[in-house]
Structure formats: C-alpha cells, structure tokens
C-alpha cells in the first residue's frame, strides 16, 4: 500500500485471534492444574511414607489383600491395606492404612492404629490390650457390649463412635468426634474393674516392638554431633 507521497507503508502485523488467546490461556490453566495435582500427590505420598516408616522400622509386616480373615494367631504386627480385615484370634499390633471394614473379634496384644477406614468394630468378647489411635479419618467405630479396650481412644477425625452397654474402655475417649454415643452403662475412663484379669499373651516375651519417634531420633543425633564437636 502507498501513501500520498508514493511511499509504501509497512505492513501491519496481525495479532493473535481471540480463539488462540483463549486456547493459550486454557493450556496454562491445565498445566497449572497438573502441577498442583503432582504437588498434592507428592505431598500425600511423603506423608504416607513418613507415617509408615516407624512401623516398618519396628518390624511390622505389610499385608495387601482385598479381604483378609485371620483365624489363627498373628505372630507379628501388621500394616494392613485392603477392603476388609477380620481377626478371630490373638494378634499383635495392627496399623490399618486403608480399609473399608475392620472387625476385631479376638484379643489384640498391642495398640490398634487407624489411618482411614469406613467402619471399625470391636466385637462382643474381643479385647484390645492397648490404645485405639485414629490418626486419620474413620466414619464409624463401634465398641460392642462385652468388648474391652484397656487403654484410651484418641481420635483425629471420627464421624460416629458408639460404646454399647457393658463395654469397657479403660482410658478416656478424646479427640474430634462429631457424634459420641456412649451408653450410661458402659464403663469408660475409670480404668479396668478391680477383678478384671488380663489374659496371658501367647507370644511370650516377644511383645509388640516399640515405634521409633523420628523427631526424637533426629534430635538425639543432633545433640550427639554437638557434644562431639
């Protein structure tokens, strides 16, 4: 194109169309979303590994199965990941990482720790010689009549907990619980009855291995290095 003096005007550059701009913007949003998803996945995996490590270091055996029923004694503590777990005999400590339904029907000689579960039932006649620690989220916990937990129940996030008449919980029931239904005839927070006799452990002197507190270990190592300097 020429101007009035016969000189050619420089061609105007065409900008991006509206559609192209929208496409670039959507691509940026998608990329940002992927980065956030990866970051959240990494964070969740890191938390999972940090939670599992003390149990693995203590000798807990990892069991991954859809449905697991133990009719014979468990001679080692376990980390369970699956749909359903049932113990009908003696067992040592258990960590439920992800489990829809868990039924404790026998005697557990150690703590019961839970990360994620829909329902957890301590059945009539069952006993947990230790604490029940909910370290994640559980929808419903039922302590049936005749069931015993010698220690306390500590809940990070529980929707409903039911302690039926005749059940015994030696320690307090504490933590974040949306609905707490404790029958007046249940014995909670007052220790074990004077005439209560704990059963002998079939595992002898083995016992449940103690969990290592990673933060304390790091502090101890740090203090040791400082003293050495």
Protein backbone atom coordinates (compact mmCIF):
# COMPACT_ATOMS: atom_id res chain seq x y z
CA UNK A 1 0.00 0.00 0.00
CA UNK A 2 1.35 3.50 -0.94
CA UNK A 3 0.79 6.78 0.86
CA UNK A 4 0.08 10.17 -0.79
CA UNK A 5 3.80 10.68 -1.50
CA UNK A 6 4.10 7.39 -3.32
CA UNK A 7 5.91 5.64 -0.47
CA UNK A 8 4.88 2.21 0.68
CA UNK A 9 3.59 1.88 4.25
CA UNK A 10 4.92 -1.04 6.30
CA UNK A 11 2.50 -3.95 6.54
CA UNK A 12 0.73 -4.15 9.89
CA UNK A 13 1.39 -7.29 11.91
CA UNK A 14 -1.65 -9.34 12.67
CA UNK A 15 -2.21 -10.14 16.38
CA UNK A 16 -3.38 -13.44 17.81
CA UNK A 17 -7.01 -14.22 17.31
CA UNK A 18 -9.33 -14.37 20.29
CA UNK A 19 -9.59 -18.15 19.90
CA UNK A 20 -5.82 -18.54 20.01
CA UNK A 21 -5.57 -16.42 23.13
CA UNK A 22 -8.27 -18.48 24.82
CA UNK A 23 -6.52 -21.70 23.83
CA UNK A 24 -3.22 -20.47 25.27
CA UNK A 25 -4.96 -19.40 28.47
CA UNK A 26 -6.70 -22.77 28.84
CA UNK A 27 -3.42 -24.54 28.21
CA UNK A 28 -1.83 -22.54 31.01
CA UNK A 29 -4.65 -23.40 33.39
CA UNK A 30 -4.37 -27.11 32.53
CA UNK A 31 -0.61 -27.04 33.04
CA UNK A 32 -1.02 -25.30 36.39
CA UNK A 33 -3.65 -27.86 37.39
CA UNK A 34 -1.30 -30.73 36.55
CA UNK A 35 1.45 -29.14 38.60
CA UNK A 36 -0.90 -28.77 41.57
CA UNK A 37 -2.09 -32.40 41.25
CA UNK A 38 1.51 -33.65 41.12
CA UNK A 39 2.41 -31.48 44.12
CA UNK A 40 -0.54 -32.80 46.13
CA UNK A 41 0.28 -36.38 45.13
CA UNK A 42 3.89 -35.91 46.20
CA UNK A 43 2.79 -34.37 49.50
CA UNK A 44 0.35 -37.22 50.17
CA UNK A 45 2.99 -39.83 49.32
CA UNK A 46 5.53 -38.10 51.56
CA UNK A 47 3.06 -38.05 54.46
CA UNK A 48 2.23 -41.69 53.80
CA UNK A 49 5.90 -42.67 53.82
CA UNK A 50 6.56 -40.64 56.98
CA UNK A 51 3.63 -42.34 58.72
CA UNK A 52 4.61 -45.84 57.62
CA UNK A 53 8.34 -45.61 58.35
CA UNK A 54 8.24 -46.04 62.16
CA UNK A 55 6.07 -49.14 61.76
CA UNK A 56 8.27 -50.64 59.06
CA UNK A 57 11.39 -49.91 61.12
CA UNK A 58 9.76 -51.59 64.13
CA UNK A 59 9.22 -54.80 62.17
CA UNK A 60 5.56 -54.52 61.16
CA UNK A 61 4.76 -56.75 58.16
CA UNK A 62 2.82 -55.16 55.28
CA UNK A 63 -0.24 -57.11 54.12
CA UNK A 64 -2.06 -56.01 50.96
CA UNK A 65 -5.20 -58.01 50.22
CA UNK A 66 -8.81 -57.38 49.25
CA UNK A 67 -10.32 -59.49 52.01
CA UNK A 68 -8.26 -60.97 54.83
CA UNK A 69 -9.58 -63.20 57.62
CA UNK A 70 -7.22 -64.41 60.33
CA UNK A 71 -8.49 -67.46 62.25
CA UNK A 72 -5.05 -68.34 63.62
CA UNK A 73 -2.86 -66.15 65.84
CA UNK A 74 -0.85 -63.40 64.15
CA UNK A 75 2.70 -63.75 65.45
CA UNK A 76 3.85 -60.39 64.10
CA UNK A 77 2.33 -56.91 63.99
CA UNK A 78 0.93 -55.97 60.58
CA UNK A 79 0.24 -52.99 58.35
CA UNK A 80 -3.00 -53.75 56.50
CA UNK A 81 -4.11 -52.22 53.20
CA UNK A 82 -7.26 -53.66 51.65
CA UNK A 83 -11.04 -53.82 51.64
CA UNK A 84 -11.81 -55.91 54.72
CA UNK A 85 -9.87 -57.26 57.71
CA UNK A 86 -11.15 -59.70 60.35
CA UNK A 87 -9.15 -61.13 63.24
CA UNK A 88 -10.73 -64.07 65.05
CA UNK A 89 -7.77 -64.99 67.23
CA UNK A 90 -4.84 -63.45 69.08
CA UNK A 91 -2.92 -60.73 67.28
CA UNK A 92 -0.21 -58.19 67.89
CA UNK A 93 -0.34 -54.50 66.99
CA UNK A 94 -2.11 -53.51 63.78
CA UNK A 95 -1.95 -50.39 61.62
CA UNK A 96 -4.94 -50.01 59.29
CA UNK A 97 -3.71 -47.79 56.45
CA UNK A 98 -6.75 -48.02 54.19
CA UNK A 99 -9.59 -50.39 54.98
CA UNK A 100 -13.33 -50.23 54.36
CA UNK A 101 -14.34 -52.65 57.12
CA UNK A 102 -12.34 -53.95 60.08
CA UNK A 103 -13.63 -56.41 62.68
CA UNK A 104 -11.59 -57.27 65.75
CA UNK A 105 -13.08 -60.46 67.20
CA UNK A 106 -10.11 -61.84 69.12
CA UNK A 107 -7.55 -60.42 71.55
CA UNK A 108 -5.06 -57.86 70.33
CA UNK A 109 -1.89 -57.62 72.42
CA UNK A 110 -0.90 -54.11 71.39
CA UNK A 111 -2.22 -50.83 70.04
CA UNK A 112 -4.71 -50.58 67.19
CA UNK A 113 -3.79 -47.63 64.94
CA UNK A 114 -6.03 -46.48 62.09
CA UNK A 115 -5.41 -44.07 59.21
CA UNK A 116 -8.50 -44.47 57.02
CA UNK A 117 -11.49 -46.78 57.50
CA UNK A 118 -15.23 -46.67 56.95
CA UNK A 119 -16.24 -48.93 59.84
CA UNK A 120 -14.30 -50.42 62.72
CA UNK A 121 -15.91 -52.85 65.16
CA UNK A 122 -14.51 -54.26 68.39
CA UNK A 123 -16.86 -57.20 68.81
CA UNK A 124 -18.50 -58.70 71.87
CA UNK A 125 -15.83 -60.67 73.73
CA UNK A 126 -12.95 -59.04 71.84
CA UNK A 127 -10.16 -57.21 73.63
CA UNK A 128 -7.55 -54.63 72.70
CA UNK A 129 -4.79 -54.64 75.32
CA UNK A 130 -3.57 -51.18 74.44
CA UNK A 131 -4.89 -47.97 72.91
CA UNK A 132 -7.07 -47.26 69.90
CA UNK A 133 -5.48 -44.40 67.96
CA UNK A 134 -7.31 -42.89 65.00
CA UNK A 135 -4.57 -40.99 63.17
CA UNK A 136 -6.66 -40.20 60.11
CA UNK A 137 -10.40 -40.43 59.42
CA UNK A 138 -12.95 -43.09 60.35
CA UNK A 139 -16.68 -42.91 59.67
CA UNK A 140 -17.96 -45.23 62.38
CA UNK A 141 -16.44 -47.00 65.39
CA UNK A 142 -18.49 -49.48 67.41
CA UNK A 143 -17.35 -50.93 70.73
CA UNK A 144 -19.87 -53.69 71.30
CA UNK A 145 -21.22 -54.88 74.63
CA UNK A 146 -18.66 -57.18 76.23
CA UNK A 147 -15.74 -55.69 74.28
CA UNK A 148 -12.73 -54.30 76.15
CA UNK A 149 -10.12 -51.67 75.32
CA UNK A 150 -7.72 -51.45 78.23
CA UNK A 151 -6.26 -48.09 77.17
CA UNK A 152 -7.68 -44.88 75.75
CA UNK A 153 -9.32 -43.93 72.46
CA UNK A 154 -7.78 -40.92 70.73
CA UNK A 155 -9.44 -39.65 67.54
CA UNK A 156 -8.13 -37.25 64.95
CA UNK A 157 -11.35 -37.32 62.92
CA UNK A 158 -14.28 -39.66 63.60
CA UNK A 159 -17.86 -39.15 62.46
CA UNK A 160 -19.56 -41.51 64.93
CA UNK A 161 -18.37 -43.58 67.87
CA UNK A 162 -20.67 -45.96 69.73
CA UNK A 163 -19.81 -47.58 73.05
CA UNK A 164 -22.51 -50.05 73.97
CA UNK A 165 -23.76 -51.04 77.41
CA UNK A 166 -21.37 -53.45 79.08
CA UNK A 167 -18.35 -52.36 77.05
CA UNK A 168 -15.17 -51.31 78.88
CA UNK A 169 -12.74 -48.58 77.82
CA UNK A 170 -10.08 -48.09 80.48
CA UNK A 171 -8.97 -44.63 79.35
CA UNK A 172 -10.72 -41.54 78.10
CA UNK A 173 -12.38 -41.11 74.70
CA UNK A 174 -10.96 -37.90 73.27
CA UNK A 175 -10.39 -36.05 70.02
CA UNK A 176 -12.53 -34.73 67.18
CA UNK A 177 -15.73 -36.79 67.21
CA UNK A 178 -18.88 -35.49 65.53
CA UNK A 179 -21.30 -37.88 67.24
CA UNK A 180 -20.39 -39.62 70.50
CA UNK A 181 -22.91 -42.21 71.69
CA UNK A 182 -21.70 -43.72 74.95
CA UNK A 183 -24.23 -45.83 76.81
CA UNK A 184 -24.61 -44.87 80.51
CA UNK A 185 -23.94 -48.49 81.46
CA UNK A 186 -20.64 -48.61 79.59
CA UNK A 187 -17.50 -48.24 81.71
CA UNK A 188 -15.35 -45.52 80.16
CA UNK A 189 -12.39 -43.60 81.56
CA UNK A 190 -12.30 -45.21 85.01
CA UNK A 191 -9.71 -47.90 84.39
CA UNK A 192 -10.34 -51.62 84.48
CA UNK A 193 -12.56 -53.24 87.13
CA UNK A 194 -10.68 -54.43 90.22
CA UNK A 195 -11.48 -58.06 89.49
CA UNK A 196 -10.51 -57.84 85.83
CA UNK A 197 -7.79 -60.31 84.79
CA UNK A 198 -5.79 -59.77 81.62
CA UNK A 199 -5.21 -62.88 79.52
CA UNK A 200 -1.68 -64.17 79.07
CA UNK A 201 -0.03 -63.39 75.76
CA UNK A 202 0.59 -66.40 73.50
CA UNK A 203 3.59 -64.54 72.10
CA UNK A 204 5.64 -64.90 75.27
CA UNK A 205 8.23 -62.20 75.86
CA UNK A 206 8.20 -61.06 72.23
CA UNK A 207 5.65 -58.34 72.74
CA UNK A 208 4.89 -55.59 70.25
CA UNK A 209 8.02 -53.76 69.06
CA UNK A 210 8.13 -50.13 70.15
CA UNK A 211 7.74 -47.47 67.48
CA UNK A 212 10.61 -45.07 66.99
CA UNK A 213 9.84 -41.36 67.18
CA UNK A 214 11.73 -39.99 64.17
CA UNK A 215 11.86 -36.45 65.53
CA UNK A 216 13.35 -37.62 68.81
CA UNK A 217 15.89 -39.72 66.91
CA UNK A 218 16.96 -36.71 64.86
CA UNK A 219 17.21 -34.57 67.97
CA UNK A 220 19.31 -37.19 69.73
CA UNK A 221 21.60 -37.45 66.72
CA UNK A 222 21.89 -33.70 66.56
CA UNK A 223 22.77 -33.42 70.24
CA UNK A 224 25.33 -36.18 69.84
CA UNK A 225 27.02 -34.32 66.99
CA UNK A 226 27.05 -31.16 69.03
CA UNK A 227 28.69 -32.85 72.00
CA UNK A 228 31.26 -34.43 69.75
CA UNK A 229 32.26 -31.00 68.40
